């Protein structure tokens, strides 16, 4: 089953129709159900690891950082560390208890240097946090980018940038418009000459805290016919001399808002505290003409809020980094995560009934306050897990009879 099928069966089994948008009209869009499904899959992962998945990934750490989040990591197999020039340094993977013993229980979290040890932390948990947006900034045409570190800034507050940004803030409304800002163009003139100048202006929505994990952004927008918005998650850092962008995912990591109304965007992993909105014309630039219906008040942000699936750091590096590094890890990983209604995981394909049962545990404890009912479901899950574990073990140790080796 895919995520939509799991969600549909879950609400039908439990009768919690409020966890989807409108079951009566067969609209089973998520309205809270996915939280229990994802928690249920995590519980199954902890009880019975699915067939081993090896994953190679790169995590960026900044000066002073020692707590790290590596998505879906289960067991670390190999690790390397590089600085921004590509120089490789030795780093040793040790158990957390061993790391504490090395430093007599006092980890040197204030002594920055090249990290020498990495350890997975013993606690893995998560919780949901909802945040209203804190402040808006603008990335204009004149922003400075440090070629060595990739850090860009400082950003300009949207209230103070004047006509150069094409963005205005009026109370809670954020609007991008061209006609009031650029007066050097005549009606019906093509925009090719100033195309990049207009559409390089980016609005940055900054939240008051950085949360590690998944981020859901809900944006209520009004768009003209020829415009759309590209939304990309960012990480910014506040220093004494301003706000700087420290993590800039590729444009291909973004998601488009194509129509007027409330849109929900999901960014599945990372360490984010902001996202950017980039106005993009739907038409080709040589087809764009200056006209009120295309570019006047091209887009308006009516409301923004975000929900994070907060995950605590799952690894620690010691000493804390003295500059920007990239940590390359090869590790066994937890099962894949659901990304949209059509996505599948090992549990949803091979044991969908067990995933639905695991999701019901969270519903019993969170919505019903029924611990005894939750425990009864856990007992059912434990029995099935024993059977699945035995089957997986048999698969791993069995082989073709002509390859068998007889000892003795």
Protein backbone atom coordinates (compact mmCIF):
# COMPACT_ATOMS: atom_id res chain seq x y z
CA UNK A 1 0.00 0.00 0.00
CA UNK A 2 1.05 3.59 -0.51
CA UNK A 3 0.63 6.34 2.09
CA UNK A 4 -2.86 7.31 0.89
CA UNK A 5 -4.07 3.71 1.18
CA UNK A 6 -2.55 3.33 4.65
CA UNK A 7 -4.16 6.60 5.79
CA UNK A 8 -7.54 5.66 4.32
CA UNK A 9 -7.59 2.26 6.02
CA UNK A 10 -6.41 3.75 9.33
CA UNK A 11 -9.26 6.24 9.60
CA UNK A 12 -11.78 3.62 8.49
CA UNK A 13 -10.52 1.14 11.09
CA UNK A 14 -10.51 3.68 13.92
CA UNK A 15 -13.44 5.92 12.96
CA UNK A 16 -11.29 9.03 13.43
CA UNK A 17 -12.60 10.82 10.34
CA UNK A 18 -11.25 14.14 11.62
CA UNK A 19 -7.73 12.92 10.80
CA UNK A 20 -8.44 13.43 7.08
CA UNK A 21 -9.88 16.43 5.26
CA UNK A 22 -13.35 15.21 4.20
CA UNK A 23 -13.99 11.47 4.22
CA UNK A 24 -17.64 11.92 3.27
CA UNK A 25 -16.55 13.31 -0.10
CA UNK A 26 -13.74 10.73 -0.40
CA UNK A 27 -11.11 13.36 0.31
CA UNK A 28 -8.59 11.47 2.43
CA UNK A 29 -5.96 14.21 2.40
CA UNK A 30 -3.95 14.24 5.63
CA UNK A 31 -5.34 16.25 8.52
CA UNK A 32 -3.28 14.68 11.32
CA UNK A 33 -3.25 10.98 10.44
CA UNK A 34 0.27 10.96 8.98
CA UNK A 35 1.75 11.85 12.34
CA UNK A 36 0.53 8.55 13.80
CA UNK A 37 1.56 6.59 10.70
CA UNK A 38 5.12 7.92 10.83
CA UNK A 39 5.34 7.31 14.59
CA UNK A 40 4.08 3.78 14.03
CA UNK A 41 6.70 3.07 11.40
CA UNK A 42 9.43 4.35 13.70
CA UNK A 43 8.24 1.96 16.40
CA UNK A 44 8.32 -0.96 13.95
CA UNK A 45 11.81 0.05 12.82
CA UNK A 46 13.03 -0.06 16.41
CA UNK A 47 11.42 -3.45 17.11
CA UNK A 48 12.46 -5.18 13.90
CA UNK A 49 14.90 -3.58 11.46
CA UNK A 50 13.82 -4.09 7.84
CA UNK A 51 16.34 -5.65 5.44
CA UNK A 52 19.53 -3.63 5.76
CA UNK A 53 19.79 -0.45 3.69
CA UNK A 54 23.21 1.18 3.33
CA UNK A 55 23.21 4.91 2.76
CA UNK A 56 25.99 7.37 1.94
CA UNK A 57 25.31 10.98 2.83
CA UNK A 58 27.11 14.25 3.49
CA UNK A 59 26.32 16.48 6.48
CA UNK A 60 27.61 20.02 6.78
CA UNK A 61 28.70 21.38 10.17
CA UNK A 62 29.64 24.94 11.08
CA UNK A 63 32.10 26.57 13.42
CA UNK A 64 31.26 25.84 17.05
CA UNK A 65 28.85 23.01 16.18
CA UNK A 66 29.18 19.66 17.93
CA UNK A 67 25.64 18.23 17.82
CA UNK A 68 24.72 16.79 14.43
CA UNK A 69 21.62 15.30 12.84
CA UNK A 70 22.23 12.59 10.21
CA UNK A 71 18.88 11.62 8.65
CA UNK A 72 17.62 8.07 9.28
CA UNK A 73 20.98 6.76 10.51
CA UNK A 74 20.86 3.48 12.42
CA UNK A 75 24.44 2.22 12.64
CA UNK A 76 27.58 4.02 11.46
CA UNK A 77 29.91 1.96 9.26
CA UNK A 78 32.38 4.49 7.90
CA UNK A 79 33.04 8.20 8.35
CA UNK A 80 35.31 10.81 6.75
CA UNK A 81 35.61 14.55 7.33
CA UNK A 82 36.71 17.30 4.92
CA UNK A 83 37.18 21.04 5.17
CA UNK A 84 35.98 23.53 2.54
CA UNK A 85 39.22 23.11 0.58
CA UNK A 86 38.69 19.36 0.29
CA UNK A 87 41.46 18.41 2.75
CA UNK A 88 40.64 15.16 4.58
CA UNK A 89 41.17 14.72 8.33
CA UNK A 90 41.16 11.66 10.54
CA UNK A 91 38.02 11.13 12.60
CA UNK A 92 37.28 8.04 14.68
CA UNK A 93 33.89 6.50 15.36
CA UNK A 94 33.57 5.54 19.02
CA UNK A 95 30.71 4.49 21.27
CA UNK A 96 29.19 7.31 23.33
CA UNK A 97 30.20 5.66 26.60
CA UNK A 98 33.78 5.37 25.33
CA UNK A 99 33.72 9.06 24.35
CA UNK A 100 32.69 10.05 27.88
CA UNK A 101 35.47 7.89 29.34
CA UNK A 102 38.07 9.53 27.07
CA UNK A 103 37.28 12.92 28.59
CA UNK A 104 36.47 11.84 32.16
CA UNK A 105 32.77 12.63 31.70
CA UNK A 106 33.51 16.29 30.75
CA UNK A 107 33.22 16.71 26.98
CA UNK A 108 35.16 19.78 25.72
CA UNK A 109 32.20 21.49 24.05
CA UNK A 110 33.86 24.92 24.27
CA UNK A 111 37.26 23.96 22.81
CA UNK A 112 36.96 24.31 19.04
CA UNK A 113 39.33 22.32 16.86
CA UNK A 114 39.30 19.74 14.08
CA UNK A 115 36.81 17.05 15.19
CA UNK A 116 38.61 13.83 16.14
CA UNK A 117 35.70 11.64 17.31
CA UNK A 118 32.13 11.02 16.27
CA UNK A 119 29.59 9.09 18.26
CA UNK A 120 25.92 8.28 17.83
CA UNK A 121 23.82 9.56 20.70
CA UNK A 122 21.78 7.01 22.66
CA UNK A 123 18.42 8.86 22.53
CA UNK A 124 16.24 9.22 19.46
CA UNK A 125 13.01 11.14 19.87
CA UNK A 126 10.80 13.62 18.08
CA UNK A 127 7.92 15.99 18.69
CA UNK A 128 5.77 18.43 16.71
CA UNK A 129 6.24 22.17 17.05
CA UNK A 130 4.09 24.81 15.35
CA UNK A 131 5.48 28.28 14.74
CA UNK A 132 4.17 31.54 13.40
CA UNK A 133 6.71 33.29 11.21
CA UNK A 134 8.99 35.70 13.02
CA UNK A 135 10.32 38.16 10.46
CA UNK A 136 10.85 38.76 6.75
CA UNK A 137 14.09 39.63 4.97
CA UNK A 138 15.14 40.09 1.36
CA UNK A 139 17.99 38.69 -0.72
CA UNK A 140 18.61 41.38 -3.29
CA UNK A 141 20.94 41.69 -6.25
CA UNK A 142 23.85 43.06 -4.21
CA UNK A 143 24.17 40.32 -1.60
CA UNK A 144 27.71 39.13 -0.86
CA UNK A 145 28.53 35.40 -0.98
CA UNK A 146 31.66 34.02 0.72
CA UNK A 147 33.12 31.65 -1.89
CA UNK A 148 34.99 29.62 0.72
CA UNK A 149 32.15 28.95 3.15
CA UNK A 150 29.10 29.53 0.95
CA UNK A 151 27.67 31.92 3.57
CA UNK A 152 25.64 34.78 2.05
CA UNK A 153 24.59 38.05 3.62
CA UNK A 154 23.82 40.08 5.46
CA UNK A 155 20.13 40.04 4.55
CA UNK A 156 18.08 43.23 4.47
CA UNK A 157 14.92 43.60 6.51
CA UNK A 158 11.98 43.80 4.13
CA UNK A 159 10.84 47.11 5.67
CA UNK A 160 14.15 48.84 4.96
CA UNK A 161 15.14 47.86 1.43
CA UNK A 162 13.14 50.42 -0.52
CA UNK A 163 12.34 50.12 -4.19
CA UNK A 164 15.22 47.84 -5.09
CA UNK A 165 13.61 44.66 -3.75
CA UNK A 166 10.17 44.73 -5.44
CA UNK A 167 8.80 43.41 -2.13
CA UNK A 168 6.57 45.37 0.25
CA UNK A 169 5.21 44.57 3.70
CA UNK A 170 1.87 46.00 4.79
CA UNK A 171 1.01 44.64 8.21
CA UNK A 172 1.00 40.87 7.80
CA UNK A 173 0.77 41.02 4.00
CA UNK A 174 3.89 40.58 1.88
CA UNK A 175 3.55 41.60 -1.78
CA UNK A 176 5.82 41.38 -4.82
CA UNK A 177 5.05 43.93 -7.52
CA UNK A 178 6.92 45.41 -10.43
CA UNK A 179 5.00 48.32 -11.91
CA UNK A 180 5.30 50.54 -8.84
CA UNK A 181 9.01 49.79 -8.50
CA UNK A 182 10.34 50.03 -12.03
CA UNK A 183 9.28 53.06 -14.00
CA UNK A 184 11.79 52.90 -16.80
CA UNK A 185 9.76 50.57 -18.99
CA UNK A 186 6.94 51.47 -21.36
CA UNK A 187 3.63 49.57 -21.72
CA UNK A 188 3.82 46.40 -23.87
CA UNK A 189 7.61 46.52 -23.86
CA UNK A 190 9.26 43.11 -23.48
CA UNK A 191 10.87 42.41 -20.14
CA UNK A 192 13.94 40.52 -21.36
CA UNK A 193 16.38 43.31 -20.55
CA UNK A 194 15.35 43.58 -16.91
CA UNK A 195 14.10 40.02 -16.42
CA UNK A 196 16.91 38.81 -14.16
CA UNK A 197 16.96 42.09 -12.26
CA UNK A 198 13.31 41.77 -11.33
CA UNK A 199 13.19 38.08 -10.54
CA UNK A 200 16.41 37.76 -8.55
CA UNK A 201 14.76 39.49 -5.61
CA UNK A 202 13.96 36.84 -3.02
CA UNK A 203 11.84 37.09 0.13
CA UNK A 204 13.13 35.15 3.15
CA UNK A 205 10.72 34.09 5.89
CA UNK A 206 12.65 33.49 9.13
CA UNK A 207 11.23 31.59 12.09
CA UNK A 208 12.32 32.26 15.68
CA UNK A 209 14.12 28.93 16.19
CA UNK A 210 15.99 26.29 14.24
CA UNK A 211 14.44 22.84 14.34
CA UNK A 212 16.07 19.70 13.03
CA UNK A 213 13.94 17.34 10.99
CA UNK A 214 10.93 17.70 8.75
CA UNK A 215 9.35 21.06 8.04
CA UNK A 216 5.86 21.73 6.73
CA UNK A 217 5.16 25.24 5.47
CA UNK A 218 1.61 26.44 4.87
CA UNK A 219 1.37 29.50 2.63
CA UNK A 220 -1.80 31.36 1.68
CA UNK A 221 -1.04 33.26 -1.54
CA UNK A 222 -2.72 35.31 -4.24
CA UNK A 223 -1.09 34.99 -7.67
CA UNK A 224 -1.74 36.64 -11.00
CA UNK A 225 -2.31 34.45 -14.04
CA UNK A 226 1.25 34.44 -15.33
CA UNK A 227 3.11 34.06 -12.02
CA UNK A 228 4.10 31.29 -9.62
CA UNK A 229 6.36 31.04 -6.56
CA UNK A 230 9.30 28.75 -5.96
CA UNK A 231 9.66 27.84 -2.27
CA UNK A 232 13.00 26.49 -0.99
CA UNK A 233 13.99 25.73 2.65
CA UNK A 234 17.02 27.63 3.96
CA UNK A 235 19.09 27.84 7.10
CA UNK A 236 20.07 31.28 8.38
CA UNK A 237 22.32 32.31 11.24
CA UNK A 238 21.94 35.45 13.32
CA UNK A 239 25.21 37.14 14.24
CA UNK A 240 26.11 40.50 15.76
CA UNK A 241 26.27 42.16 12.34
CA UNK A 242 23.16 40.69 10.75
CA UNK A 243 21.33 37.65 9.37
CA UNK A 244 23.31 35.33 7.06
CA UNK A 245 22.26 32.37 4.92
CA UNK A 246 24.42 29.36 5.85
CA UNK A 247 22.66 26.52 4.02
CA UNK A 248 21.26 26.95 0.51
CA UNK A 249 19.72 23.81 -1.03
CA UNK A 250 19.61 23.54 -4.80
CA UNK A 251 16.69 25.02 -6.69
CA UNK A 252 15.70 21.46 -7.61
CA UNK A 253 14.99 20.86 -3.89
CA UNK A 254 12.26 23.49 -3.93
CA UNK A 255 8.56 23.19 -4.59
CA UNK A 256 6.34 25.40 -6.75
CA UNK A 257 3.19 27.21 -5.69
CA UNK A 258 1.21 27.47 -8.91
CA UNK A 259 -2.20 28.78 -7.92
CA UNK A 260 -4.01 31.15 -5.60
CA UNK A 261 -5.06 29.75 -2.23
CA UNK A 262 -3.56 27.89 0.71
CA UNK A 263 -0.70 25.58 -0.21
CA UNK A 264 1.08 23.08 2.04
CA UNK A 265 4.70 22.23 1.26
CA UNK A 266 6.66 19.43 2.91
CA UNK A 267 10.44 19.46 3.23
CA UNK A 268 11.33 16.04 4.55
CA UNK A 269 14.76 16.38 6.09
CA UNK A 270 17.31 18.96 7.04
CA UNK A 271 18.00 21.60 9.64
CA UNK A 272 15.95 24.63 8.65
CA UNK A 273 14.68 27.80 10.25
CA UNK A 274 13.55 29.68 7.17
CA UNK A 275 12.39 29.35 3.60
CA UNK A 276 12.62 31.60 0.58
CA UNK A 277 9.97 32.62 -1.93
CA UNK A 278 11.19 33.34 -5.45
CA UNK A 279 8.73 34.83 -7.97
CA UNK A 280 8.82 32.99 -11.29
CA UNK A 281 6.89 33.78 -14.47
CA UNK A 282 5.10 30.82 -16.04
CA UNK A 283 5.64 32.22 -19.52
CA UNK A 284 9.01 32.30 -21.25
CA UNK A 285 10.82 35.57 -20.66
CA UNK A 286 10.61 36.63 -24.30
CA UNK A 287 6.81 36.21 -24.12
CA UNK A 288 6.40 38.46 -21.10
CA UNK A 289 5.03 41.90 -21.84
CA UNK A 290 4.68 44.75 -19.39
CA UNK A 291 1.01 44.80 -18.47
CA UNK A 292 -1.00 45.24 -15.33
CA UNK A 293 -2.68 41.84 -15.54
CA UNK A 294 0.68 40.04 -15.59
CA UNK A 295 2.98 41.87 -13.24
CA UNK A 296 1.10 44.38 -11.14
CA UNK A 297 0.86 42.91 -7.62
CA UNK A 298 2.26 39.69 -9.12
CA UNK A 299 1.93 37.80 -5.85
CA UNK A 300 0.78 38.48 -2.32
CA UNK A 301 1.58 36.37 0.74
CA UNK A 302 -1.53 36.53 2.90
CA UNK A 303 -0.48 34.20 5.70
CA UNK A 304 2.38 31.87 6.60
CA UNK A 305 2.90 29.36 9.37
CA UNK A 306 5.07 26.30 9.78
CA UNK A 307 5.06 22.98 11.58
CA UNK A 308 8.23 21.10 12.32
CA UNK A 309 8.70 17.47 13.14
CA UNK A 310 11.49 18.26 15.56
CA UNK A 311 14.21 15.67 15.89
CA UNK A 312 16.99 15.99 18.37
CA UNK A 313 20.56 15.61 17.16
CA UNK A 314 21.54 11.95 16.84
CA UNK A 315 25.33 12.31 16.70
CA UNK A 316 28.07 14.29 18.41
CA UNK A 317 31.50 15.36 17.16
CA UNK A 318 34.34 16.22 19.56
CA UNK A 319 36.05 18.67 19.65
CA UNK A 320 33.48 21.12 18.27
CA UNK A 321 34.27 22.28 14.74
CA UNK A 322 36.65 25.23 14.42
CA UNK A 323 35.44 25.99 10.88
CA UNK A 324 33.07 24.62 8.25
CA UNK A 325 33.43 20.88 7.56
CA UNK A 326 31.61 18.24 5.56
CA UNK A 327 31.13 14.85 7.23
CA UNK A 328 30.67 11.97 4.81
CA UNK A 329 29.05 8.93 6.42
CA UNK A 330 28.23 5.43 5.23
CA UNK A 331 25.65 3.86 7.49
CA UNK A 332 22.80 1.43 7.74
CA UNK A 333 19.55 3.37 7.73
CA UNK A 334 16.03 3.20 8.99
CA UNK A 335 13.25 2.50 6.52
CA UNK A 336 12.49 5.17 3.95
CA UNK A 337 10.14 7.96 4.96
CA UNK A 338 6.86 8.80 3.28
CA UNK A 339 7.19 11.88 1.07
CA UNK A 340 3.78 12.11 -0.60
CA UNK A 341 0.52 10.16 -0.97
CA UNK A 342 1.99 7.87 -3.63
CA UNK A 343 5.15 6.98 -1.71
CA UNK A 344 5.74 3.55 -0.20
CA UNK A 345 8.04 2.09 2.44
CA UNK A 346 9.18 -1.44 3.21
CA UNK A 347 6.58 -1.72 5.97
CA UNK A 348 3.71 -0.31 3.87
CA UNK A 349 4.44 -2.74 1.02
CA UNK A 350 5.29 -5.91 2.95
CA UNK A 351 3.26 -5.54 6.16
CA UNK A 352 0.66 -2.77 5.71
CA UNK A 353 -1.70 -4.29 8.29
CA UNK A 354 1.05 -4.14 10.91
CA UNK A 355 1.86 -0.50 10.06
CA UNK A 356 -1.81 0.41 10.51
CA UNK A 357 -1.84 -1.45 13.82
CA UNK A 358 1.29 0.43 14.95
CA UNK A 359 -0.31 3.77 14.02
CA UNK A 360 -3.26 2.90 16.23
CA UNK A 361 -0.96 2.78 19.29
CA UNK A 362 -0.41 6.55 19.06
CA UNK A 363 -4.10 7.17 18.55
CA UNK A 364 -4.94 5.17 21.69
CA UNK A 365 -2.41 7.02 23.84
CA UNK A 366 -2.78 10.54 22.39
CA UNK A 367 -6.49 10.77 21.53
CA UNK A 368 -8.11 8.24 23.85
CA UNK A 369 -5.69 8.34 26.82
CA UNK A 370 -6.19 4.57 26.78
CA UNK A 371 -2.89 3.02 27.85
CA UNK A 372 -4.39 -0.43 28.42
CA UNK A 373 -5.81 -0.43 24.89
CA UNK A 374 -2.46 0.69 23.51
CA UNK A 375 -0.70 -2.10 25.41
CA UNK A 376 -3.09 -4.69 23.99
CA UNK A 377 -2.17 -3.51 20.48
CA UNK A 378 1.54 -3.57 21.35
CA UNK A 379 1.16 -7.22 22.42
CA UNK A 380 -0.34 -8.06 19.03
CA UNK A 381 2.52 -6.25 17.31
CA UNK A 382 5.16 -8.07 19.38
CA UNK A 383 3.73 -11.43 18.33
CA UNK A 384 3.83 -10.51 14.65
CA UNK A 385 7.31 -9.02 15.00
CA UNK A 386 8.60 -12.33 16.37
CA UNK A 387 7.21 -14.13 13.32
CA UNK A 388 8.64 -11.55 10.88
CA UNK A 389 12.05 -11.58 12.59
CA UNK A 390 12.19 -15.37 12.37
CA UNK A 391 11.31 -15.20 8.67
CA UNK A 392 13.95 -12.52 7.93
CA UNK A 393 16.57 -14.50 9.84
CA UNK A 394 15.74 -17.61 7.81
CA UNK A 395 16.12 -15.60 4.60
CA UNK A 396 19.54 -14.32 5.66
CA UNK A 397 21.01 -17.67 6.65
CA UNK A 398 19.48 -19.77 3.85
CA UNK A 399 20.97 -20.17 0.39
CA UNK A 400 21.21 -22.45 -2.58
CA UNK A 401 21.73 -26.05 -1.49
CA UNK A 402 24.68 -26.51 -3.87
CA UNK A 403 26.50 -23.64 -2.07
CA UNK A 404 26.00 -25.05 1.41
CA UNK A 405 29.03 -25.78 3.57
CA UNK A 406 28.89 -28.71 6.02
CA UNK A 407 31.18 -28.42 9.03
CA UNK A 408 32.61 -31.48 10.78
